[in-house]
Amino acid sequence: MASEIVVAQTTTDDEDRAMALARGAVESRLAAGAHIDPPLTAVYRWKGKIETAQEWRISYKTTTDRLPELEAWVAQRHSYEVPEWVILPVIGGSEAYLSWVAEQSTAR
């Protein structure tokens, strides 16, 4: 496989926005698929204060080749001043699934 598979994650404070970010990336073939986790509670420090918020986490399945475009695409559409953006390497898995991710994440 020429490109490695990764899971890229972000969060947002609106369920409809999470759906738009997930669906748009898949429609654009920047990711093979995306999972939206149910609302979770985030606790974090922001501008000197401890904040608590409800967020939805979006996990994109994509390739390292598509990652720069996906990151730019999400950043352009995200509502946060500093959105979460973390990349998790996929170190193994079903060859059939990993091949599907690579195929579906290929620009056409």
PDB file of N, CA and C in Angstrom:
ATOM      1  N   MET A   1       0.854  -1.173   0.000  1.00  0.00           N
ATOM      2  CA  MET A   1       0.000   0.000   0.000  1.00  0.00           C
ATOM      3  C   MET A   1       0.897   1.233   0.000  1.00  0.00           C
ATOM      4  N   ALA A   2       0.724   2.140  -0.951  1.00  0.00           N
ATOM      5  CA  ALA A   2       1.570   3.311  -1.105  1.00  0.00           C
ATOM      6  C   ALA A   2       1.380   4.320   0.009  1.00  0.00           C
ATOM      7  N   SER A   3       0.198   4.418   0.548  1.00  0.00           N
ATOM      8  CA  SER A   3      -0.119   5.418   1.559  1.00  0.00           C
ATOM      9  C   SER A   3      -0.557   4.732   2.840  1.00  0.00           C
ATOM     10  N   GLU A   4      -0.189   5.301   3.962  1.00  0.00           N
ATOM     11  CA  GLU A   4      -0.594   4.747   5.243  1.00  0.00           C
ATOM     12  C   GLU A   4      -1.983   5.250   5.625  1.00  0.00           C
ATOM     13  N   ILE A   5      -2.675   4.457   6.421  1.00  0.00           N
ATOM     14  CA  ILE A   5      -4.009   4.804   6.892  1.00  0.00           C
ATOM     15  C   ILE A   5      -3.887   5.480   8.254  1.00  0.00           C
ATOM     16  N   VAL A   6      -4.682   6.532   8.447  1.00  0.00           N
ATOM     17  CA  VAL A   6      -4.715   7.250   9.722  1.00  0.00           C
ATOM     18  C   VAL A   6      -6.162   7.556  10.077  1.00  0.00           C
ATOM     19  N   VAL A   7      -6.362   7.880  11.352  1.00  0.00           N
ATOM     20  CA  VAL A   7      -7.636   8.403  11.829  1.00  0.00           C
ATOM     21  C   VAL A   7      -7.354   9.831  12.289  1.00  0.00           C
ATOM     22  N   ALA A   8      -8.044  10.783  11.703  1.00  0.00           N
ATOM     23  CA  ALA A   8      -7.891  12.196  12.073  1.00  0.00           C
ATOM     24  C   ALA A   8      -9.138  12.605  12.843  1.00  0.00           C
ATOM     25  N   GLN A   9      -8.954  13.330  13.947  1.00  0.00           N
ATOM     26  CA  GLN A   9     -10.097  13.680  14.784  1.00  0.00           C
ATOM     27  C   GLN A   9     -10.205  15.178  15.032  1.00  0.00           C
ATOM     28  N   THR A  10     -11.454  15.614  15.101  1.00  0.00           N
ATOM     29  CA  THR A  10     -11.782  16.966  15.526  1.00  0.00           C
ATOM     30  C   THR A  10     -13.054  16.890  16.354  1.00  0.00           C
ATOM     31  N   THR A  11     -13.407  17.986  16.999  1.00  0.00           N
ATOM     32  CA  THR A  11     -14.662  18.064  17.742  1.00  0.00           C
ATOM     33  C   THR A  11     -15.366  19.362  17.365  1.00  0.00           C
ATOM     34  N   THR A  12     -16.677  19.372  17.586  1.00  0.00           N
ATOM     35  CA  THR A  12     -17.461  20.573  17.351  1.00  0.00           C
ATOM     36  C   THR A  12     -18.614  20.610  18.347  1.00  0.00           C
ATOM     37  N   ASP A  13     -19.160  21.792  18.565  1.00  0.00           N
ATOM     38  CA  ASP A  13     -20.204  21.962  19.584  1.00  0.00           C
ATOM     39  C   ASP A  13     -21.625  21.894  19.025  1.00  0.00           C
ATOM     40  N   ASP A  14     -21.773  21.411  17.797  1.00  0.00           N
ATOM     41  CA  ASP A  14     -23.092  21.388  17.172  1.00  0.00           C
ATOM     42  C   ASP A  14     -23.241  20.097  16.366  1.00  0.00           C
ATOM     43  N   GLU A  15     -24.296  19.340  16.622  1.00  0.00           N
ATOM     44  CA  GLU A  15     -24.486  18.056  15.947  1.00  0.00           C
ATOM     45  C   GLU A  15     -24.649  18.221  14.434  1.00  0.00           C
ATOM     46  N   ASP A  16     -25.399  19.226  13.991  1.00  0.00           N
ATOM     47  CA  ASP A  16     -25.570  19.437  12.552  1.00  0.00           C
ATOM     48  C   ASP A  16     -24.242  19.798  11.887  1.00  0.00           C
ATOM     49  N   ARG A  17     -23.424  20.602  12.563  1.00  0.00           N
ATOM     50  CA  ARG A  17     -22.111  20.953  12.021  1.00  0.00           C
ATOM     51  C   ARG A  17     -21.222  19.716  11.940  1.00  0.00           C
ATOM     52  N   ALA A  18     -21.316  18.846  12.947  1.00  0.00           N
ATOM     53  CA  ALA A  18     -20.548  17.599  12.917  1.00  0.00           C
ATOM     54  C   ALA A  18     -20.950  16.767  11.705  1.00  0.00           C
ATOM     55  N   MET A  19     -22.249  16.679  11.448  1.00  0.00           N
ATOM     56  CA  MET A  19     -22.726  15.915  10.289  1.00  0.00           C
ATOM     57  C   MET A  19     -22.226  16.543   8.990  1.00  0.00           C
ATOM     58  N   ALA A  20     -22.269  17.851   8.900  1.00  0.00           N
ATOM     59  CA  ALA A  20     -21.803  18.534   7.686  1.00  0.00           C
ATOM     60  C   ALA A  20     -20.305  18.320   7.480  1.00  0.00           C
ATOM     61  N   LEU A  21     -19.530  18.382   8.546  1.00  0.00           N
ATOM     62  CA  LEU A  21     -18.082  18.168   8.434  1.00  0.00           C
ATOM     63  C   LEU A  21     -17.773  16.727   8.038  1.00  0.00           C
ATOM     64  N   ALA A  22     -18.515  15.779   8.579  1.00  0.00           N
ATOM     65  CA  ALA A  22     -18.295  14.371   8.244  1.00  0.00           C
ATOM     66  C   ALA A  22     -18.724  14.076   6.807  1.00  0.00           C
ATOM     67  N   ARG A  23     -19.938  14.447   6.483  1.00  0.00           N
ATOM     68  CA  ARG A  23     -20.484  14.145   5.155  1.00  0.00           C
ATOM     69  C   ARG A  23     -19.698  14.844   4.037  1.00  0.00           C
ATOM     70  N   GLY A  24     -19.375  16.107   4.250  1.00  0.00           N
ATOM     71  CA  GLY A  24     -18.650  16.859   3.223  1.00  0.00           C
ATOM     72  C   GLY A  24     -17.283  16.276   2.915  1.00  0.00           C
ATOM     73  N   ALA A  25     -16.584  15.809   3.939  1.00  0.00           N
ATOM     74  CA  ALA A  25     -15.257  15.219   3.717  1.00  0.00           C
ATOM     75  C   ALA A  25     -15.367  13.913   2.931  1.00  0.00           C
ATOM     76  N   VAL A  26     -16.395  13.122   3.242  1.00  0.00           N
ATOM     77  CA  VAL A  26     -16.585  11.868   2.512  1.00  0.00           C
ATOM     78  C   VAL A  26     -17.030  12.153   1.077  1.00  0.00           C
ATOM     79  N   GLU A  27     -17.951  13.092   0.898  1.00  0.00           N
ATOM     80  CA  GLU A  27     -18.387  13.450  -0.460  1.00  0.00           C
ATOM     81  C   GLU A  27     -17.221  13.949  -1.307  1.00  0.00           C
ATOM     82  N   SER A  28     -16.282  14.643  -0.690  1.00  0.00           N
ATOM     83  CA  SER A  28     -15.115  15.193  -1.392  1.00  0.00           C
ATOM     84  C   SER A  28     -13.988  14.175  -1.540  1.00  0.00           C
ATOM     85  N   ARG A  29     -14.210  12.952  -1.055  1.00  0.00           N
ATOM     86  CA  ARG A  29     -13.229  11.866  -1.102  1.00  0.00           C
ATOM     87  C   ARG A  29     -11.949  12.205  -0.344  1.00  0.00           C
ATOM     88  N   LEU A  30     -12.069  13.077   0.653  1.00  0.00           N
ATOM     89  CA  LEU A  30     -10.935  13.384   1.519  1.00  0.00           C
ATOM     90  C   LEU A  30     -10.799  12.327   2.606  1.00  0.00           C
ATOM     91  N   ALA A  31     -11.862  11.601   2.839  1.00  0.00           N
ATOM     92  CA  ALA A  31     -11.884  10.495   3.798  1.00  0.00           C
ATOM     93  C   ALA A  31     -12.810   9.417   3.257  1.00  0.00           C
ATOM     94  N   ALA A  32     -12.491   8.174   3.591  1.00  0.00           N
ATOM     95  CA  ALA A  32     -13.348   7.067   3.166  1.00  0.00           C
ATOM     96  C   ALA A  32     -14.629   7.035   3.975  1.00  0.00           C
ATOM     97  N   GLY A  33     -14.523   7.425   5.218  1.00  0.00           N
ATOM     98  CA  GLY A  33     -15.673   7.425   6.104  1.00  0.00           C
ATOM     99  C   GLY A  33     -15.369   8.268   7.324  1.00  0.00           C
ATOM    100  N   ALA A  34     -16.396   8.533   8.096  1.00  0.00           N
ATOM    101  CA  ALA A  34     -16.237   9.307   9.322  1.00  0.00           C
ATOM    102  C   ALA A  34     -17.241   8.816  10.344  1.00  0.00           C
ATOM    103  N   HIS A  35     -16.822   8.760  11.584  1.00  0.00           N
ATOM    104  CA  HIS A  35     -17.719   8.430  12.687  1.00  0.00           C
ATOM    105  C   HIS A  35     -17.963   9.690  13.495  1.00  0.00           C
ATOM    106  N   ILE A  36     -19.198   9.859  13.917  1.00  0.00           N
ATOM    107  CA  ILE A  36     -19.552  10.952  14.818  1.00  0.00           C
ATOM    108  C   ILE A  36     -19.946  10.311  16.138  1.00  0.00           C
ATOM    109  N   ASP A  37     -19.164  10.589  17.173  1.00  0.00           N
ATOM    110  CA  ASP A  37     -19.467  10.048  18.496  1.00  0.00           C
ATOM    111  C   ASP A  37     -20.602  10.837  19.125  1.00  0.00           C
ATOM    112  N   PRO A  38     -21.393  10.166  19.982  1.00  0.00           N
ATOM    113  CA  PRO A  38     -22.459  10.867  20.683  1.00  0.00           C
ATOM    114  C   PRO A  38     -21.873  12.013  21.522  1.00  0.00           C
ATOM    115  N   PRO A  39     -22.706  12.925  21.941  1.00  0.00           N
ATOM    116  CA  PRO A  39     -22.185  14.059  22.694  1.00  0.00           C
ATOM    117  C   PRO A  39     -21.349  13.610  23.887  1.00  0.00           C
ATOM    118  N   LEU A  40     -20.262  14.301  24.076  1.00  0.00           N
ATOM    119  CA  LEU A  40     -19.396  14.064  25.216  1.00  0.00           C
ATOM    120  C   LEU A  40     -19.182  15.395  25.919  1.00  0.00           C
ATOM    121  N   THR A  41     -18.731  15.333  27.151  1.00  0.00           N
ATOM    122  CA  THR A  41     -18.472  16.552  27.900  1.00  0.00           C
ATOM    123  C   THR A  41     -16.984  16.852  27.840  1.00  0.00           C
ATOM    124  N   ALA A  42     -16.655  18.030  27.360  1.00  0.00           N
ATOM    125  CA  ALA A  42     -15.270  18.480  27.297  1.00  0.00           C
ATOM    126  C   ALA A  42     -15.023  19.468  28.431  1.00  0.00           C
ATOM    127  N   VAL A  43     -13.905  19.298  29.111  1.00  0.00           N
ATOM    128  CA  VAL A  43     -13.471  20.223  30.153  1.00  0.00           C
ATOM    129  C   VAL A  43     -12.078  20.683  29.758  1.00  0.00           C
ATOM    130  N   TYR A  44     -11.885  21.992  29.648  1.00  0.00           N
ATOM    131  CA  TYR A  44     -10.619  22.515  29.147  1.00  0.00           C
ATOM    132  C   TYR A  44     -10.399  23.941  29.644  1.00  0.00           C
ATOM    133  N   ARG A  45      -9.155  24.378  29.560  1.00  0.00           N
ATOM    134  CA  ARG A  45      -8.818  25.741  29.925  1.00  0.00           C
ATOM    135  C   ARG A  45      -8.792  26.570  28.634  1.00  0.00           C
ATOM    136  N   TRP A  46      -9.492  27.700  28.632  1.00  0.00           N
ATOM    137  CA  TRP A  46      -9.541  28.574  27.467  1.00  0.00           C
ATOM    138  C   TRP A  46      -9.517  30.023  27.938  1.00  0.00           C
ATOM    139  N   LYS A  47      -8.504  30.748  27.486  1.00  0.00           N
ATOM    140  CA  LYS A  47      -8.347  32.165  27.823  1.00  0.00           C
ATOM    141  C   LYS A  47      -8.418  32.401  29.335  1.00  0.00           C
ATOM    142  N   GLY A  48      -7.700  31.533  30.065  1.00  0.00           N
ATOM    143  CA  GLY A  48      -7.555  31.698  31.497  1.00  0.00           C
ATOM    144  C   GLY A  48      -8.684  31.171  32.357  1.00  0.00           C
ATOM    145  N   LYS A  49      -9.711  30.572  31.746  1.00  0.00           N
ATOM    146  CA  LYS A  49     -10.851  30.052  32.500  1.00  0.00           C
ATOM    147  C   LYS A  49     -11.048  28.571  32.204  1.00  0.00           C
ATOM    148  N   ILE A  50     -11.574  27.844  33.193  1.00  0.00           N
ATOM    149  CA  ILE A  50     -11.951  26.456  32.964  1.00  0.00           C
ATOM    150  C   ILE A  50     -13.347  26.457  32.341  1.00  0.00           C
ATOM    151  N   GLU A  51     -13.458  25.825  31.195  1.00  0.00           N
ATOM    152  CA  GLU A  51     -14.714  25.767  30.448  1.00  0.00           C
ATOM    153  C   GLU A  51     -15.234  24.328  30.422  1.00  0.00           C
ATOM    154  N   THR A  52     -16.519  24.193  30.285  1.00  0.00           N
ATOM    155  CA  THR A  52     -17.172  22.903  30.091  1.00  0.00           C
ATOM    156  C   THR A  52     -18.136  23.060  28.922  1.00  0.00           C
ATOM    157  N   ALA A  53     -18.084  22.102  28.001  1.00  0.00           N
ATOM    158  CA  ALA A  53     -18.947  22.188  26.822  1.00  0.00           C
ATOM    159  C   ALA A  53     -19.351  20.798  26.363  1.00  0.00           C
ATOM    160  N   GLN A  54     -20.477  20.727  25.687  1.00  0.00           N
ATOM    161  CA  GLN A  54     -20.905  19.488  25.040  1.00  0.00           C
ATOM    162  C   GLN A  54     -20.349  19.517  23.619  1.00  0.00           C
ATOM    163  N   GLU A  55     -19.710  18.408  23.211  1.00  0.00           N
ATOM    164  CA  GLU A  55     -19.116  18.341  21.877  1.00  0.00           C
ATOM    165  C   GLU A  55     -19.386  16.985  21.235  1.00  0.00           C
ATOM    166  N   TRP A  56     -19.306  16.973  19.911  1.00  0.00           N
ATOM    167  CA  TRP A  56     -19.379  15.753  19.114  1.00  0.00           C
ATOM    168  C   TRP A  56     -18.005  15.562  18.490  1.00  0.00           C
ATOM    169  N   ARG A  57     -17.440  14.348  18.609  1.00  0.00           N
ATOM    170  CA  ARG A  57     -16.133  14.053  18.032  1.00  0.00           C
ATOM    171  C   ARG A  57     -16.327  13.396  16.667  1.00  0.00           C
ATOM    172  N   ILE A  58     -15.607  13.881  15.687  1.00  0.00           N
ATOM    173  CA  ILE A  58     -15.630  13.320  14.334  1.00  0.00           C
ATOM    174  C   ILE A  58     -14.295  12.639  14.103  1.00  0.00           C
ATOM    175  N   SER A  59     -14.338  11.370  13.729  1.00  0.00           N
ATOM    176  CA  SER A  59     -13.133  10.591  13.433  1.00  0.00           C
ATOM    177  C   SER A  59     -13.151  10.221  11.953  1.00  0.00           C
ATOM    178  N   TYR A  60     -12.212  10.778  11.217  1.00  0.00           N
ATOM    179  CA  TYR A  60     -12.109  10.525   9.777  1.00  0.00           C
ATOM    180  C   TYR A  60     -11.143   9.375   9.520  1.00  0.00           C
ATOM    181  N   LYS A  61     -11.514   8.459   8.624  1.00  0.00           N
ATOM    182  CA  LYS A  61     -10.615   7.404   8.169  1.00  0.00           C
ATOM    183  C   LYS A  61     -10.085   7.832   6.817  1.00  0.00           C
ATOM    184  N   THR A  62      -8.773   8.019   6.720  1.00  0.00           N
ATOM    185  CA  THR A  62      -8.192   8.531   5.484  1.00  0.00           C
ATOM    186  C   THR A  62      -6.759   8.037   5.329  1.00  0.00           C
ATOM    187  N   THR A  63      -6.076   8.559   4.330  1.00  0.00           N
ATOM    188  CA  THR A  63      -4.679   8.190   4.080  1.00  0.00           C
ATOM    189  C   THR A  63      -3.770   9.381   4.354  1.00  0.00           C
ATOM    190  N   THR A  64      -2.506   9.071   4.566  1.00  0.00           N
ATOM    191  CA  THR A  64      -1.547  10.156   4.777  1.00  0.00           C
ATOM    192  C   THR A  64      -1.443  11.041   3.538  1.00  0.00           C
ATOM    193  N   ASP A  65      -1.695  10.483   2.360  1.00  0.00           N
ATOM    194  CA  ASP A  65      -1.666  11.283   1.130  1.00  0.00           C
ATOM    195  C   ASP A  65      -2.765  12.347   1.120  1.00  0.00           C
ATOM    196  N   ARG A  66      -3.937  12.018   1.639  1.00  0.00           N
ATOM    197  CA  ARG A  66      -5.087  12.936   1.621  1.00  0.00           C
ATOM    198  C   ARG A  66      -5.142  13.837   2.852  1.00  0.00           C
ATOM    199  N   LEU A  67      -4.330  13.534   3.848  1.00  0.00           N
ATOM    200  CA  LEU A  67      -4.385  14.243   5.120  1.00  0.00           C
ATOM    201  C   LEU A  67      -4.197  15.757   5.009  1.00  0.00           C
ATOM    202  N   PRO A  68      -3.219  16.265   4.263  1.00  0.00           N
ATOM    203  CA  PRO A  68      -3.077  17.724   4.183  1.00  0.00           C
ATOM    204  C   PRO A  68      -4.313  18.422   3.614  1.00  0.00           C
ATOM    205  N   GLU A  69      -4.918  17.832   2.594  1.00  0.00           N
ATOM    206  CA  GLU A  69      -6.135  18.424   2.017  1.00  0.00           C
ATOM    207  C   GLU A  69      -7.302  18.355   2.989  1.00  0.00           C
ATOM    208  N   LEU A  70      -7.421  17.224   3.696  1.00  0.00           N
ATOM    209  CA  LEU A  70      -8.494  17.082   4.679  1.00  0.00           C
ATOM    210  C   LEU A  70      -8.322  18.108   5.796  1.00  0.00           C
ATOM    211  N   GLU A  71      -7.121  18.257   6.290  1.00  0.00           N
ATOM    212  CA  GLU A  71      -6.864  19.231   7.359  1.00  0.00           C
ATOM    213  C   GLU A  71      -7.232  20.645   6.925  1.00  0.00           C
ATOM    214  N   ALA A  72      -6.831  21.037   5.731  1.00  0.00           N
ATOM    215  CA  ALA A  72      -7.148  22.382   5.224  1.00  0.00           C
ATOM    216  C   ALA A  72      -8.658  22.540   5.034  1.00  0.00           C
ATOM    217  N   TRP A  73      -9.301  21.506   4.522  1.00  0.00           N
ATOM    218  CA  TRP A  73     -10.744  21.544   4.292  1.00  0.00           C
ATOM    219  C   TRP A  73     -11.497  21.727   5.601  1.00  0.00           C
ATOM    220  N   VAL A  74     -11.138  20.938   6.619  1.00  0.00           N
ATOM    221  CA  VAL A  74     -11.797  21.045   7.925  1.00  0.00           C
ATOM    222  C   VAL A  74     -11.528  22.419   8.540  1.00  0.00           C
ATOM    223  N   ALA A  75     -10.284  22.878   8.519  1.00  0.00           N
ATOM    224  CA  ALA A  75      -9.938  24.171   9.120  1.00  0.00           C
ATOM    225  C   ALA A  75     -10.736  25.309   8.490  1.00  0.00           C
ATOM    226  N   GLN A  76     -10.942  25.242   7.184  1.00  0.00           N
ATOM    227  CA  GLN A  76     -11.676  26.297   6.476  1.00  0.00           C
ATOM    228  C   GLN A  76     -13.151  26.337   6.887  1.00  0.00           C
ATOM    229  N   ARG A  77     -13.707  25.190   7.276  1.00  0.00           N
ATOM    230  CA  ARG A  77     -15.139  25.102   7.570  1.00  0.00           C
ATOM    231  C   ARG A  77     -15.463  25.043   9.064  1.00  0.00           C
ATOM    232  N   HIS A  78     -14.436  24.938   9.892  1.00  0.00           N
ATOM    233  CA  HIS A  78     -14.648  24.772  11.329  1.00  0.00           C
ATOM    234  C   HIS A  78     -14.991  26.102  11.984  1.00  0.00           C
ATOM    235  N   SER A  79     -15.833  26.056  13.008  1.00  0.00           N
ATOM    236  CA  SER A  79     -16.266  27.284  13.681  1.00  0.00           C
ATOM    237  C   SER A  79     -15.370  27.687  14.856  1.00  0.00           C
ATOM    238  N   TYR A  80     -14.497  26.797  15.310  1.00  0.00           N
ATOM    239  CA  TYR A  80     -13.662  27.105  16.468  1.00  0.00           C
ATOM    240  C   TYR A  80     -12.462  27.958  16.076  1.00  0.00           C
ATOM    241  N   GLU A  81     -12.036  28.812  16.991  1.00  0.00           N
ATOM    242  CA  GLU A  81     -10.819  29.600  16.793  1.00  0.00           C
ATOM    243  C   GLU A  81      -9.595  28.681  16.728  1.00  0.00           C
ATOM    244  N   VAL A  82      -9.556  27.679  17.608  1.00  0.00           N
ATOM    245  CA  VAL A  82      -8.475  26.688  17.620  1.00  0.00           C
ATOM    246  C   VAL A  82      -9.113  25.296  17.682  1.00  0.00           C
ATOM    247  N   PRO A  83      -9.483  24.739  16.525  1.00  0.00           N
ATOM    248  CA  PRO A  83     -10.132  23.420  16.552  1.00  0.00           C
ATOM    249  C   PRO A  83      -9.144  22.315  16.905  1.00  0.00           C
ATOM    250  N   GLU A  84      -9.669  21.304  17.582  1.00  0.00           N
ATOM    251  CA  GLU A  84      -8.859  20.103  17.814  1.00  0.00           C
ATOM    252  C   GLU A  84      -8.536  19.480  16.468  1.00  0.00           C
ATOM    253  N   TRP A  85      -7.291  19.052  16.304  1.00  0.00           N
ATOM    254  CA  TRP A  85      -6.904  18.300  15.115  1.00  0.00           C
ATOM    255  C   TRP A  85      -5.787  17.366  15.537  1.00  0.00           C
ATOM    256  N   VAL A  86      -6.109  16.094  15.703  1.00  0.00           N
ATOM    257  CA  VAL A  86      -5.118  15.097  16.087  1.00  0.00           C
ATOM    258  C   VAL A  86      -5.167  13.950  15.099  1.00  0.00           C
ATOM    259  N   ILE A  87      -4.004  13.365  14.882  1.00  0.00           N
ATOM    260  CA  ILE A  87      -3.866  12.262  13.935  1.00  0.00           C
ATOM    261  C   ILE A  87      -3.424  11.020  14.704  1.00  0.00           C
ATOM    262  N   LEU A  88      -4.137   9.943  14.505  1.00  0.00           N
ATOM    263  CA  LEU A  88      -3.816   8.677  15.149  1.00  0.00           C
ATOM    264  C   LEU A  88      -3.369   7.687  14.083  1.00  0.00           C
ATOM    265  N   PRO A  89      -2.173   7.135  14.201  1.00  0.00           N
ATOM    266  CA  PRO A  89      -1.725   6.164  13.204  1.00  0.00           C
ATOM    267  C   PRO A  89      -2.495   4.854  13.346  1.00  0.00           C
ATOM    268  N   VAL A  90      -2.766   4.225  12.238  1.00  0.00           N
ATOM    269  CA  VAL A  90      -3.373   2.896  12.231  1.00  0.00           C
ATOM    270  C   VAL A  90      -2.224   1.923  12.007  1.00  0.00           C
ATOM    271  N   ILE A  91      -1.950   1.123  13.008  1.00  0.00           N
ATOM    272  CA  ILE A  91      -0.776   0.249  12.919  1.00  0.00           C
ATOM    273  C   ILE A  91      -1.118  -1.163  12.455  1.00  0.00           C
ATOM    274  N   GLY A  92      -2.388  -1.412  12.206  1.00  0.00           N
ATOM    275  CA  GLY A  92      -2.795  -2.723  11.723  1.00  0.00           C
ATOM    276  C   GLY A  92      -4.291  -2.746  11.509  1.00  0.00           C
ATOM    277  N   GLY A  93      -4.746  -3.865  10.987  1.00  0.00           N
ATOM    278  CA  GLY A  93      -6.175  -4.025  10.761  1.00  0.00           C
ATOM    279  C   GLY A  93      -6.424  -4.963   9.599  1.00  0.00           C
ATOM    280  N   SER A  94      -7.672  -5.126   9.298  1.00  0.00           N
ATOM    281  CA  SER A  94      -8.083  -5.980   8.194  1.00  0.00           C
ATOM    282  C   SER A  94      -7.540  -5.403   6.887  1.00  0.00           C
ATOM    283  N   GLU A  95      -6.851  -6.218   6.134  1.00  0.00           N
ATOM    284  CA  GLU A  95      -6.295  -5.765   4.853  1.00  0.00           C
ATOM    285  C   GLU A  95      -7.412  -5.298   3.918  1.00  0.00           C
ATOM    286  N   ALA A  96      -8.550  -5.992   3.941  1.00  0.00           N
ATOM    287  CA  ALA A  96      -9.682  -5.609   3.090  1.00  0.00           C
ATOM    288  C   ALA A  96     -10.183  -4.216   3.475  1.00  0.00           C
ATOM    289  N   TYR A  97     -10.324  -3.956   4.774  1.00  0.00           N
ATOM    290  CA  TYR A  97     -10.811  -2.646   5.227  1.00  0.00           C
ATOM    291  C   TYR A  97      -9.803  -1.548   4.911  1.00  0.00           C
ATOM    292  N   LEU A  98      -8.541  -1.793   5.204  1.00  0.00           N
ATOM    293  CA  LEU A  98      -7.512  -0.774   4.950  1.00  0.00           C
ATOM    294  C   LEU A  98      -7.404  -0.470   3.453  1.00  0.00           C
ATOM    295  N   SER A  99      -7.556  -1.472   2.621  1.00  0.00           N
ATOM    296  CA  SER A  99      -7.551  -1.252   1.171  1.00  0.00           C
ATOM    297  C   SER A  99      -8.762  -0.427   0.752  1.00  0.00           C
ATOM    298  N   TRP A 100      -9.906  -0.701   1.358  1.00  0.00           N
ATOM    299  CA  TRP A 100     -11.121   0.070   1.058  1.00  0.00           C
ATOM    300  C   TRP A 100     -10.918   1.538   1.434  1.00  0.00           C
ATOM    301  N   VAL A 101     -10.346   1.802   2.625  1.00  0.00           N
ATOM    302  CA  VAL A 101     -10.084   3.194   3.035  1.00  0.00           C
ATOM    303  C   VAL A 101      -9.192   3.878   2.012  1.00  0.00           C
ATOM    304  N   ALA A 102      -8.128   3.213   1.597  1.00  0.00           N
ATOM    305  CA  ALA A 102      -7.211   3.803   0.621  1.00  0.00           C
ATOM    306  C   ALA A 102      -7.913   4.078  -0.697  1.00  0.00           C
ATOM    307  N   GLU A 103      -8.719   3.118  -1.162  1.00  0.00           N
ATOM    308  CA  GLU A 103      -9.427   3.281  -2.436  1.00  0.00           C
ATOM    309  C   GLU A 103     -10.437   4.426  -2.376  1.00  0.00           C
ATOM    310  N   GLN A 104     -11.207   4.493  -1.295  1.00  0.00           N
ATOM    311  CA  GLN A 104     -12.260   5.501  -1.184  1.00  0.00           C
ATOM    312  C   GLN A 104     -11.723   6.907  -0.893  1.00  0.00           C
ATOM    313  N   SER A 105     -10.495   7.003  -0.430  1.00  0.00           N
ATOM    314  CA  SER A 105      -9.889   8.286  -0.124  1.00  0.00           C
ATOM    315  C   SER A 105      -9.072   8.841  -1.296  1.00  0.00           C
ATOM    316  N   THR A 106      -9.136   8.163  -2.423  1.00  0.00           N
ATOM    317  CA  THR A 106      -8.376   8.570  -3.600  1.00  0.00           C
ATOM    318  C   THR A 106      -9.173   9.585  -4.413  1.00  0.00           C
ATOM    319  N   ALA A 107      -8.531  10.682  -4.762  1.00  0.00           N
ATOM    320  CA  ALA A 107      -9.196  11.704  -5.588  1.00  0.00           C
ATOM    321  C   ALA A 107      -9.522  11.115  -6.948  1.00  0.00           C
ATOM    322  N   ARG A 108     -10.675  11.471  -7.480  1.00  0.00           N
ATOM    323  CA  ARG A 108     -11.063  10.969  -8.817  1.00  0.00           C
ATOM    324  C   ARG A 108     -11.394  12.119  -9.712  1.00  0.00           C
TER     325      ARG A 108
END
